[in-house]
Amino acid sequence: MELRDKILEVVVEVAELSECELVSDFNDSTILLESGLDSLGFAILVARLEEELDYDPFAEMENAVYPTTFAEFVSIYSQNK
């Protein structure tokens, strides 16, 4: 399974778990703040991805980066793998 697909799978699981409704046209250009996940959902997402992928790229960054879109979010995981 590709990294992007795995991340998307976890996004959907977290949305269901936290009872958030993702936007219907969720895709690479979806603005994360408009995706339907709330701040708790994003915290759970990063924690679940750390469990699934065995790393947290945000914890390993020297300078904090806040992705705007889903594609940027996936890119952070791709670059810091």
Protein backbone atom coordinates (compact mmCIF):
# COMPACT_ATOMS: atom_id res chain seq x y z
CA MET A 1 0.00 0.00 0.00
CA GLU A 2 1.32 3.44 -0.88
CA LEU A 3 2.04 5.90 1.89
CA ARG A 4 -0.62 8.34 0.67
CA ASP A 5 -3.25 5.60 0.66
CA LYS A 6 -2.27 4.49 4.17
CA ILE A 7 -2.48 8.05 5.47
CA LEU A 8 -5.88 8.52 3.81
CA GLU A 9 -7.11 5.27 5.34
CA VAL A 10 -6.11 6.49 8.81
CA VAL A 11 -7.72 9.91 8.15
CA VAL A 12 -11.03 8.17 7.41
CA GLU A 13 -10.70 5.95 10.51
CA VAL A 14 -9.95 8.94 12.74
CA ALA A 15 -12.86 10.91 11.31
CA GLU A 16 -15.21 8.04 12.12
CA LEU A 17 -13.71 7.57 15.58
CA SER A 18 -13.97 11.25 16.46
CA GLU A 19 -17.38 11.58 14.82
CA CYS A 20 -16.17 14.20 12.35
CA GLU A 21 -17.56 14.33 8.85
CA LEU A 22 -14.92 14.73 6.15
CA VAL A 23 -15.74 16.91 3.18
CA SER A 24 -17.20 14.82 0.37
CA ASP A 25 -14.54 15.76 -2.17
CA PHE A 26 -11.53 15.08 0.09
CA ASN A 27 -8.42 15.02 -2.12
CA ASP A 28 -4.81 16.22 -2.32
CA SER A 29 -5.81 19.87 -2.58
CA THR A 30 -8.22 19.74 0.37
CA ILE A 31 -7.38 22.46 2.88
CA LEU A 32 -6.78 20.65 6.17
CA LEU A 33 -8.58 23.27 8.24
CA GLU A 34 -11.61 22.76 5.99
CA SER A 35 -11.39 18.96 5.79
CA GLY A 36 -13.90 18.21 8.54
CA LEU A 37 -11.35 17.08 11.14
CA ASP A 38 -11.09 19.22 14.25
CA SER A 39 -7.92 19.86 16.26
CA LEU A 40 -8.48 16.77 18.40
CA GLY A 41 -8.93 14.74 15.23
CA PHE A 42 -5.59 15.96 13.90
CA ALA A 43 -3.88 15.10 17.19
CA ILE A 44 -5.35 11.61 17.05
CA LEU A 45 -4.36 11.34 13.37
CA VAL A 46 -0.70 12.12 14.06
CA ALA A 47 -0.68 9.72 17.02
CA ARG A 48 -2.28 6.92 14.98
CA LEU A 49 0.12 7.50 12.10
CA GLU A 50 3.02 7.25 14.53
CA GLU A 51 1.67 3.87 15.65
CA GLU A 52 1.12 2.69 12.07
CA LEU A 53 4.34 4.05 10.52
CA ASP A 54 6.66 3.94 13.55
CA TYR A 55 7.66 7.59 13.27
CA ASP A 56 6.36 11.11 13.78
CA PRO A 57 7.96 13.53 11.32
CA PHE A 58 6.62 16.52 13.24
CA ALA A 59 8.53 15.49 16.38
CA GLU A 60 11.71 15.08 14.34
CA MET A 61 11.58 18.50 12.65
CA GLU A 62 13.99 21.20 13.70
CA ASN A 63 11.63 23.93 12.46
CA ALA A 64 7.92 23.40 12.82
CA VAL A 65 6.01 23.20 9.56
CA TYR A 66 2.26 23.36 9.38
CA PRO A 67 0.88 21.83 6.18
CA THR A 68 -2.02 23.58 4.51
CA THR A 69 -3.29 20.84 2.20
CA PHE A 70 -3.56 17.07 2.38
CA ALA A 71 -0.81 16.79 -0.27
CA GLU A 72 1.53 18.87 1.90
CA PHE A 73 0.67 16.68 4.90
CA VAL A 74 1.54 13.53 2.93
CA SER A 75 4.72 15.19 1.65
CA ILE A 76 5.95 15.77 5.19
CA TYR A 77 5.58 12.05 5.90
CA SER A 78 7.26 11.17 2.58
CA GLN A 79 10.26 13.45 3.11
CA ASN A 80 10.92 12.46 6.69
CA LYS A 81 10.52 8.74 6.37
